[in-house]
C-alpha atoms as a PDB file:
ATOM      1  CA  MET A   1      77.348 104.354  81.627  1.00  0.00           C
ATOM      2  CA  ALA A   2      76.409 102.586  84.858  1.00  0.00           C
ATOM      3  CA  ARG A   3      78.940 100.123  86.235  1.00  0.00           C
ATOM      4  CA  LEU A   4      78.533  97.193  88.573  1.00  0.00           C
ATOM      5  CA  THR A   5      80.018  97.612  92.013  1.00  0.00           C
ATOM      6  CA  ALA A   6      83.062  95.489  92.773  1.00  0.00           C
ATOM      7  CA  ASP A   7      81.187  93.713  95.563  1.00  0.00           C
ATOM      8  CA  PHE A   8      78.305  92.789  93.233  1.00  0.00           C
ATOM      9  CA  TRP A   9      80.665  91.523  90.504  1.00  0.00           C
ATOM     10  CA  VAL A  10      82.687  89.441  92.981  1.00  0.00           C
ATOM     11  CA  HIS A  11      79.584  87.771  94.385  1.00  0.00           C
ATOM     12  CA  ALA A  12      78.215  87.084  90.895  1.00  0.00           C
ATOM     13  CA  TYR A  13      81.582  85.624  89.820  1.00  0.00           C
ATOM     14  CA  LEU A  14      81.749  83.354  92.874  1.00  0.00           C
ATOM     15  CA  ALA A  15      78.191  82.159  92.200  1.00  0.00           C
ATOM     16  CA  ARG A  16      79.034  81.426  88.552  1.00  0.00           C
ATOM     17  CA  LEU A  17      82.114  79.438  89.598  1.00  0.00           C
ATOM     18  CA  ARG A  18      80.056  77.507  92.153  1.00  0.00           C
ATOM     19  CA  LEU A  19      77.544  76.571  89.429  1.00  0.00           C
ATOM     20  CA  ALA A  20      80.449  75.205  87.353  1.00  0.00           C
ATOM     21  CA  GLY A  21      81.788  73.221  90.308  1.00  0.00           C
ATOM     22  CA  ILE A  22      84.943  75.320  90.571  1.00  0.00           C
ATOM     23  CA  PRO A  23      86.056  76.125  94.149  1.00  0.00           C
ATOM     24  CA  ALA A  24      86.895  79.780  94.804  1.00  0.00           C
ATOM     25  CA  PHE A  25      87.019  82.183  97.707  1.00  0.00           C
ATOM     26  CA  VAL A  26      87.801  85.799  98.514  1.00  0.00           C
ATOM     27  CA  THR A  27      91.244  86.141 100.076  1.00  0.00           C
ATOM     28  CA  THR A  28      91.249  89.951 100.295  1.00  0.00           C
ATOM     29  CA  ARG A  29      88.192  92.195 100.439  1.00  0.00           C
ATOM     30  CA  GLY A  30      88.593  95.530  98.730  1.00  0.00           C
ATOM     31  CA  ASP A  31      86.446  98.606  98.365  1.00  0.00           C
ATOM     32  CA  ALA A  32      82.855  97.481  97.889  1.00  0.00           C
ATOM     33  CA  THR A  33      82.072 100.101  95.278  1.00  0.00           C
ATOM     34  CA  ALA A  34      85.130 100.652  93.121  1.00  0.00           C
ATOM     35  CA  GLY A  35      87.866  98.241  94.197  1.00  0.00           C
ATOM     36  CA  ALA A  36      89.882  96.546  91.482  1.00  0.00           C
ATOM     37  CA  VAL A  37      89.713  92.738  91.306  1.00  0.00           C
ATOM     38  CA  ILE A  38      92.541  90.260  90.795  1.00  0.00           C
ATOM     39  CA  VAL A  39      91.811  86.583  90.223  1.00  0.00           C
ATOM     40  CA  LYS A  40      94.495  84.073  91.202  1.00  0.00           C
ATOM     41  CA  VAL A  41      94.099  80.648  89.595  1.00  0.00           C
ATOM     42  CA  ASN A  42      95.809  77.945  91.644  1.00  0.00           C
ATOM     43  CA  SER A  43      96.221  74.742  89.624  1.00  0.00           C
ATOM     44  CA  LEU A  44      97.099  72.799  92.807  1.00  0.00           C
ATOM     45  CA  ASP A  45     100.420  71.622  91.381  1.00  0.00           C
ATOM     46  CA  GLY A  46     102.590  74.392  92.842  1.00  0.00           C
ATOM     47  CA  ARG A  47     101.877  76.795  89.993  1.00  0.00           C
ATOM     48  CA  ALA A  48      99.477  79.704  89.719  1.00  0.00           C
ATOM     49  CA  ARG A  49      98.412  82.576  87.454  1.00  0.00           C
ATOM     50  CA  ALA A  50      96.993  85.957  88.428  1.00  0.00           C
ATOM     51  CA  PHE A  51      94.661  87.946  86.170  1.00  0.00           C
ATOM     52  CA  GLN A  52      93.687  91.609  86.225  1.00  0.00           C
ATOM     53  CA  ARG A  53      91.450  93.778  84.052  1.00  0.00           C
ATOM     54  CA  ALA A  54      93.068  95.865  81.343  1.00  0.00           C
ATOM     55  CA  TYR A  55      92.109  97.562  78.090  1.00  0.00           C
ATOM     56  CA  ASP A  56      93.033  96.016  74.754  1.00  0.00           C
ATOM     57  CA  ALA A  57      94.098  97.999  71.657  1.00  0.00           C
ATOM     58  CA  ALA A  58      90.448  98.496  70.666  1.00  0.00           C
ATOM     59  CA  GLY A  59      89.554  99.908  74.086  1.00  0.00           C
ATOM     60  CA  ALA A  60      87.642  96.837  75.250  1.00  0.00           C
ATOM     61  CA  ARG A  61      88.080  95.563  78.816  1.00  0.00           C
ATOM     62  CA  VAL A  62      89.843  92.185  78.915  1.00  0.00           C
ATOM     63  CA  TRP A  63      91.415  89.952  81.558  1.00  0.00           C
ATOM     64  CA  ILE A  64      95.183  89.575  81.222  1.00  0.00           C
ATOM     65  CA  ALA A  65      97.636  87.400  83.131  1.00  0.00           C
ATOM     66  CA  PHE A  66     100.025  89.710  84.957  1.00  0.00           C
ATOM     67  CA  ALA A  67     101.844  87.059  86.983  1.00  0.00           C
ATOM     68  CA  GLU A  68     102.365  83.349  86.480  1.00  0.00           C
ATOM     69  CA  GLY A  69     104.755  80.711  87.686  1.00  0.00           C
ATOM     70  CA  GLN A  70     105.459  79.066  91.003  1.00  0.00           C
ATOM     71  CA  GLU A  71     102.738  79.876  93.516  1.00  0.00           C
ATOM     72  CA  PRO A  72     105.048  81.709  95.985  1.00  0.00           C
ATOM     73  CA  GLU A  73     106.175  84.019  93.154  1.00  0.00           C
ATOM     74  CA  VAL A  74     102.578  84.778  92.185  1.00  0.00           C
ATOM     75  CA  ASP A  75     101.690  85.363  95.855  1.00  0.00           C
ATOM     76  CA  ALA A  76     104.592  87.833  96.115  1.00  0.00           C
ATOM     77  CA  ALA A  77     103.299  89.719  93.054  1.00  0.00           C
ATOM     78  CA  LEU A  78      99.830  89.859  94.646  1.00  0.00           C
ATOM     79  CA  ALA A  79     101.297  91.178  97.899  1.00  0.00           C
ATOM     80  CA  ARG A  80     103.065  93.946  95.955  1.00  0.00           C
ATOM     81  CA  GLN A  81      99.811  94.870  94.216  1.00  0.00           C
ATOM     82  CA  ARG A  82      97.983  95.031  97.562  1.00  0.00           C
ATOM     83  CA  GLY A  83     100.771  97.315  98.807  1.00  0.00           C
ATOM     84  CA  TYR A  84     100.008  99.727  95.954  1.00  0.00           C
ATOM     85  CA  ASP A  85      96.225  99.397  96.147  1.00  0.00           C
ATOM     86  CA  PRO A  86      94.628  98.777  99.567  1.00  0.00           C
ATOM     87  CA  ASP A  87      91.154  98.734  97.910  1.00  0.00           C
ATOM     88  CA  LEU A  88      92.057  95.613  95.897  1.00  0.00           C
ATOM     89  CA  TRP A  89      89.912  92.479  95.938  1.00  0.00           C
ATOM     90  CA  THR A  90      91.724  89.148  95.539  1.00  0.00           C
ATOM     91  CA  ILE A  91      89.868  85.970  94.599  1.00  0.00           C
ATOM     92  CA  GLU A  92      91.558  82.575  94.605  1.00  0.00           C
ATOM     93  CA  VAL A  93      90.228  79.919  92.234  1.00  0.00           C
ATOM     94  CA  GLU A  94      91.393  76.344  92.801  1.00  0.00           C
ATOM     95  CA  ASP A  95      91.132  74.141  89.742  1.00  0.00           C
ATOM     96  CA  ARG A  96      93.582  71.514  88.490  1.00  0.00           C
ATOM     97  CA  ALA A  97      92.566  72.245  84.892  1.00  0.00           C
ATOM     98  CA  GLY A  98      93.115  75.993  85.367  1.00  0.00           C
ATOM     99  CA  ARG A  99      89.487  76.914  84.668  1.00  0.00           C
ATOM    100  CA  HIS A 100      88.525  80.434  85.707  1.00  0.00           C
ATOM    101  CA  LEU A 101      85.610  81.427  83.417  1.00  0.00           C
ATOM    102  CA  LEU A 102      86.989  84.949  82.940  1.00  0.00           C
ATOM    103  CA  ASP A 103      86.514  84.559  79.182  1.00  0.00           C
ATOM    104  CA  ASP A 104      82.783  83.843  79.682  1.00  0.00           C
ATOM    105  CA  PRO A 105      80.757  86.686  78.092  1.00  0.00           C
ATOM    106  CA  SER A 106      78.283  86.596  81.002  1.00  0.00           C
ATOM    107  CA  LEU A 107      81.085  87.905  83.251  1.00  0.00           C
ATOM    108  CA  ALA A 108      82.224  90.682  80.908  1.00  0.00           C
ATOM    109  CA  ALA A 109      80.171  93.504  82.432  1.00  0.00           C
ATOM    110  CA  ASP A 110      81.945  96.165  84.473  1.00  0.00           C
END
């Protein structure tokens, strides 16, 4: 099965967020073809959540929160992940309501 490149998915995600009026930007560029993507959602109140792709019990790809809490704690978790995976993309979404659109079916493709 053909998969989207990481670079293509990131640019499509940023465009979708822009259309919804949600500010976001790439903070770390990873491997353009196969880099993993982490999305940090900054609610602009000192708290944040970070999401990564995982497989659920049925084998479907889903986004799960792997870190949440005070923003410096989430940033530290992201730094550790980048230490393990230098090909990692990191996107920061800034939205007071915590919107991230990761549950939107149009963004489900790999």
